[in-house]
N, C-alpha and C. Protein backbone atom coordinates (compact mmCIF):
# COMPACT_ATOMS: atom_id res chain seq x y z
N UNK A 1 185.75 191.20 139.02
CA UNK A 1 186.87 190.82 138.21
C UNK A 1 187.62 192.09 137.82
N UNK A 2 188.90 192.08 137.95
CA UNK A 2 189.73 193.23 137.61
C UNK A 2 190.59 192.91 136.40
N UNK A 3 190.65 193.84 135.45
CA UNK A 3 191.45 193.69 134.24
C UNK A 3 192.46 194.82 134.18
N UNK A 4 193.55 194.61 133.45
CA UNK A 4 194.55 195.65 133.26
C UNK A 4 194.58 196.07 131.79
N UNK A 5 194.89 197.33 131.58
CA UNK A 5 195.06 197.86 130.23
C UNK A 5 196.56 197.88 129.93
N UNK A 6 196.96 197.32 128.77
CA UNK A 6 198.39 197.32 128.43
C UNK A 6 198.79 198.66 127.81
N UNK A 7 200.06 198.80 127.43
CA UNK A 7 200.57 200.07 126.90
C UNK A 7 199.87 200.51 125.63
N UNK A 8 199.36 199.57 124.87
CA UNK A 8 198.67 199.89 123.62
C UNK A 8 197.19 200.20 123.86
N UNK A 9 196.74 200.14 125.14
CA UNK A 9 195.36 200.43 125.45
C UNK A 9 194.43 199.23 125.31
N UNK A 10 195.00 198.05 125.23
CA UNK A 10 194.19 196.83 125.05
C UNK A 10 193.84 196.20 126.39
N UNK A 11 192.67 195.58 126.40
CA UNK A 11 192.21 194.82 127.56
C UNK A 11 191.99 193.39 127.09
N UNK A 12 192.50 192.44 127.85
CA UNK A 12 192.32 191.03 127.49
C UNK A 12 191.21 190.46 128.36
N UNK A 13 190.18 189.93 127.70
CA UNK A 13 189.08 189.29 128.42
C UNK A 13 189.48 187.86 128.75
N UNK A 14 189.26 187.42 129.99
CA UNK A 14 189.61 186.04 130.36
C UNK A 14 188.85 185.03 129.51
N UNK A 15 189.48 183.88 129.26
CA UNK A 15 188.89 182.86 128.41
C UNK A 15 187.49 182.43 128.87
N UNK A 16 187.24 182.22 130.17
CA UNK A 16 185.87 181.83 130.57
C UNK A 16 184.82 182.87 130.17
N UNK A 17 185.17 184.14 130.21
CA UNK A 17 184.24 185.20 129.81
C UNK A 17 184.02 185.14 128.30
N UNK A 18 185.11 185.00 127.53
CA UNK A 18 184.98 184.90 126.07
C UNK A 18 184.13 183.70 125.68
N UNK A 19 184.36 182.57 126.34
CA UNK A 19 183.59 181.35 126.04
C UNK A 19 182.11 181.54 126.38
N UNK A 20 181.83 182.12 127.53
CA UNK A 20 180.45 182.30 127.97
C UNK A 20 179.65 183.17 127.01
N UNK A 21 180.30 184.17 126.41
CA UNK A 21 179.62 185.08 125.50
C UNK A 21 179.85 184.74 124.03
N UNK A 22 180.56 183.64 123.77
CA UNK A 22 180.78 183.22 122.40
C UNK A 22 181.67 184.18 121.62
N UNK A 23 182.62 184.81 122.29
CA UNK A 23 183.50 185.77 121.63
C UNK A 23 184.74 185.06 121.10
N UNK A 24 185.04 185.30 119.84
CA UNK A 24 186.23 184.72 119.22
C UNK A 24 187.07 185.86 118.65
N UNK A 25 188.27 185.54 118.17
CA UNK A 25 189.14 186.55 117.59
C UNK A 25 188.40 187.30 116.48
N UNK A 26 188.47 188.60 116.51
CA UNK A 26 187.81 189.42 115.50
C UNK A 26 186.38 189.82 115.86
N UNK A 27 185.88 189.30 116.99
CA UNK A 27 184.52 189.66 117.40
C UNK A 27 184.46 191.17 117.67
N UNK A 28 183.35 191.77 117.29
CA UNK A 28 183.18 193.20 117.52
C UNK A 28 182.41 193.45 118.80
N UNK A 29 182.89 194.43 119.57
CA UNK A 29 182.24 194.82 120.81
C UNK A 29 181.79 196.27 120.71
N UNK A 30 180.69 196.59 121.36
CA UNK A 30 180.25 197.97 121.50
C UNK A 30 180.67 198.42 122.88
N UNK A 31 181.10 199.68 122.98
CA UNK A 31 181.42 200.25 124.28
C UNK A 31 180.47 201.40 124.52
N UNK A 32 179.94 201.46 125.72
CA UNK A 32 178.97 202.50 126.06
C UNK A 32 179.40 203.13 127.38
N UNK A 33 179.40 204.45 127.41
CA UNK A 33 179.68 205.17 128.65
C UNK A 33 178.37 205.29 129.42
N UNK A 34 178.42 204.92 130.69
CA UNK A 34 177.25 205.03 131.56
C UNK A 34 177.64 205.85 132.78
N UNK A 35 176.67 206.17 133.61
CA UNK A 35 176.95 206.92 134.83
C UNK A 35 177.86 206.12 135.76
N UNK A 36 177.80 204.78 135.67
CA UNK A 36 178.62 203.93 136.53
C UNK A 36 179.99 203.62 135.95
N UNK A 37 180.21 203.91 134.68
CA UNK A 37 181.49 203.60 134.05
C UNK A 37 181.32 203.20 132.60
N UNK A 38 182.03 202.15 132.21
CA UNK A 38 181.98 201.67 130.82
C UNK A 38 181.29 200.31 130.77
N UNK A 39 180.59 200.08 129.67
CA UNK A 39 179.93 198.80 129.47
C UNK A 39 180.33 198.27 128.10
N UNK A 40 180.78 197.02 128.07
CA UNK A 40 181.11 196.34 126.82
C UNK A 40 180.04 195.30 126.54
N UNK A 41 179.67 195.18 125.27
CA UNK A 41 178.73 194.12 124.88
C UNK A 41 179.00 193.75 123.44
N UNK A 42 178.72 192.48 123.09
CA UNK A 42 178.91 192.06 121.71
C UNK A 42 178.05 192.93 120.78
N UNK A 43 178.62 193.38 119.66
CA UNK A 43 177.91 194.25 118.73
C UNK A 43 176.74 193.54 118.08
N UNK A 44 176.83 192.26 117.88
CA UNK A 44 175.78 191.51 117.20
C UNK A 44 174.69 191.07 118.17
N UNK A 45 174.82 191.46 119.40
CA UNK A 45 173.92 190.98 120.46
C UNK A 45 172.46 191.30 120.17
N UNK A 46 171.63 190.33 120.28
CA UNK A 46 170.20 190.51 120.17
C UNK A 46 169.58 189.71 121.32
N UNK A 47 168.36 190.00 121.68
CA UNK A 47 167.76 189.27 122.79
C UNK A 47 167.75 187.77 122.51
N UNK A 48 168.18 186.98 123.48
CA UNK A 48 168.18 185.54 123.27
C UNK A 48 166.81 184.94 123.57
N UNK A 49 166.00 185.64 124.36
CA UNK A 49 164.64 185.18 124.64
C UNK A 49 163.64 186.14 123.99
N UNK A 50 162.77 185.59 123.18
CA UNK A 50 161.74 186.39 122.54
C UNK A 50 160.40 185.67 122.74
N UNK A 51 159.33 186.43 122.69
CA UNK A 51 158.00 185.84 122.81
C UNK A 51 157.44 185.61 121.41
N UNK A 52 157.04 184.38 121.16
CA UNK A 52 156.44 184.04 119.87
C UNK A 52 155.22 183.15 120.15
N UNK A 53 154.07 183.58 119.68
CA UNK A 53 152.82 182.85 119.89
C UNK A 53 152.56 182.59 121.38
N UNK A 54 152.92 183.56 122.22
CA UNK A 54 152.68 183.44 123.66
C UNK A 54 153.66 182.58 124.41
N UNK A 55 154.69 182.07 123.72
CA UNK A 55 155.70 181.23 124.37
C UNK A 55 157.06 181.90 124.28
N UNK A 56 157.90 181.66 125.29
CA UNK A 56 159.27 182.17 125.23
C UNK A 56 160.10 181.25 124.35
N UNK A 57 160.84 181.85 123.44
CA UNK A 57 161.68 181.11 122.51
C UNK A 57 163.12 181.58 122.70
N UNK A 58 164.04 180.64 122.91
CA UNK A 58 165.45 180.97 123.09
C UNK A 58 166.14 180.96 121.73
N UNK A 59 166.68 182.13 121.33
CA UNK A 59 167.36 182.24 120.03
C UNK A 59 168.87 182.29 120.18
N UNK A 60 169.36 182.32 121.39
CA UNK A 60 170.80 182.43 121.62
C UNK A 60 171.49 181.09 121.52
N UNK A 61 172.71 181.07 121.98
CA UNK A 61 173.47 179.82 121.99
C UNK A 61 173.64 179.35 123.42
N UNK A 62 173.65 178.08 123.60
CA UNK A 62 173.81 177.48 124.91
C UNK A 62 175.31 177.41 125.23
N UNK A 63 175.69 177.74 126.47
CA UNK A 63 177.10 177.66 126.83
C UNK A 63 177.64 176.24 126.62
N UNK A 64 178.93 176.15 126.33
CA UNK A 64 179.55 174.84 126.14
C UNK A 64 179.36 173.99 127.38
N UNK A 65 179.07 172.73 127.18
CA UNK A 65 178.91 171.80 128.27
C UNK A 65 177.50 171.77 128.85
N UNK A 66 176.64 172.70 128.45
CA UNK A 66 175.27 172.70 128.97
C UNK A 66 174.45 171.64 128.23
N UNK A 67 173.52 171.04 128.94
CA UNK A 67 172.70 169.97 128.38
C UNK A 67 171.25 170.42 128.37
N UNK A 68 170.69 170.66 127.16
CA UNK A 68 169.30 171.12 127.03
C UNK A 68 168.35 170.19 127.76
N UNK A 69 168.51 168.90 127.55
CA UNK A 69 167.57 167.94 128.14
C UNK A 69 167.57 168.03 129.66
N UNK A 70 168.75 168.14 130.25
CA UNK A 70 168.86 168.25 131.70
C UNK A 70 168.23 169.55 132.19
N UNK A 71 168.51 170.66 131.49
CA UNK A 71 167.93 171.95 131.88
C UNK A 71 166.41 171.91 131.80
N UNK A 72 165.87 171.32 130.75
CA UNK A 72 164.41 171.23 130.59
C UNK A 72 163.80 170.36 131.69
N UNK A 73 164.44 169.22 131.98
CA UNK A 73 163.92 168.33 133.02
C UNK A 73 163.93 169.02 134.39
N UNK A 74 165.02 169.74 134.70
CA UNK A 74 165.11 170.44 135.99
C UNK A 74 164.03 171.51 136.09
N UNK A 75 163.82 172.26 135.01
CA UNK A 75 162.79 173.29 135.01
C UNK A 75 161.40 172.68 135.17
N UNK A 76 161.16 171.60 134.45
CA UNK A 76 159.87 170.92 134.53
C UNK A 76 159.62 170.43 135.95
N UNK A 77 160.64 169.81 136.56
CA UNK A 77 160.50 169.31 137.93
C UNK A 77 160.21 170.46 138.90
N UNK A 78 160.90 171.58 138.73
CA UNK A 78 160.67 172.75 139.60
C UNK A 78 159.23 173.26 139.46
N UNK A 79 158.73 173.33 138.22
CA UNK A 79 157.36 173.80 138.01
C UNK A 79 156.33 172.84 138.59
N UNK A 80 156.57 171.54 138.45
CA UNK A 80 155.65 170.55 139.01
C UNK A 80 155.61 170.66 140.54
N UNK A 81 156.79 170.79 141.17
CA UNK A 81 156.84 170.94 142.62
C UNK A 81 156.13 172.21 143.05
N UNK A 82 156.32 173.29 142.32
CA UNK A 82 155.69 174.56 142.66
C UNK A 82 154.16 174.48 142.53
N UNK A 83 153.69 173.87 141.46
CA UNK A 83 152.25 173.75 141.25
C UNK A 83 151.59 172.80 142.23
N UNK A 84 152.33 171.79 142.70
CA UNK A 84 151.76 170.82 143.62
C UNK A 84 151.88 171.28 145.08
N UNK A 85 152.54 172.43 145.28
CA UNK A 85 152.65 172.97 146.64
C UNK A 85 153.76 172.35 147.46
N UNK A 86 154.68 171.67 146.84
CA UNK A 86 155.78 171.03 147.59
C UNK A 86 156.93 171.98 147.79
């Protein structure tokens, strides 16, 4: 994805990107210089998956339109197929 910088030095993030990361007007971003270039990330970002009592726990937000029940069923079906050797 290619972005342009305007005369004021601003970059506009496309709406699908803002939606996917839950960015709204006034959201703070961190910028980090790396060997490959620049990296932007939400300032409030924390790991969305953490281990608690030996289980993975999702603390983040689900993208709009995603269905937890469907995601869980698909994952369960995949694990059952994998364990049964199918």
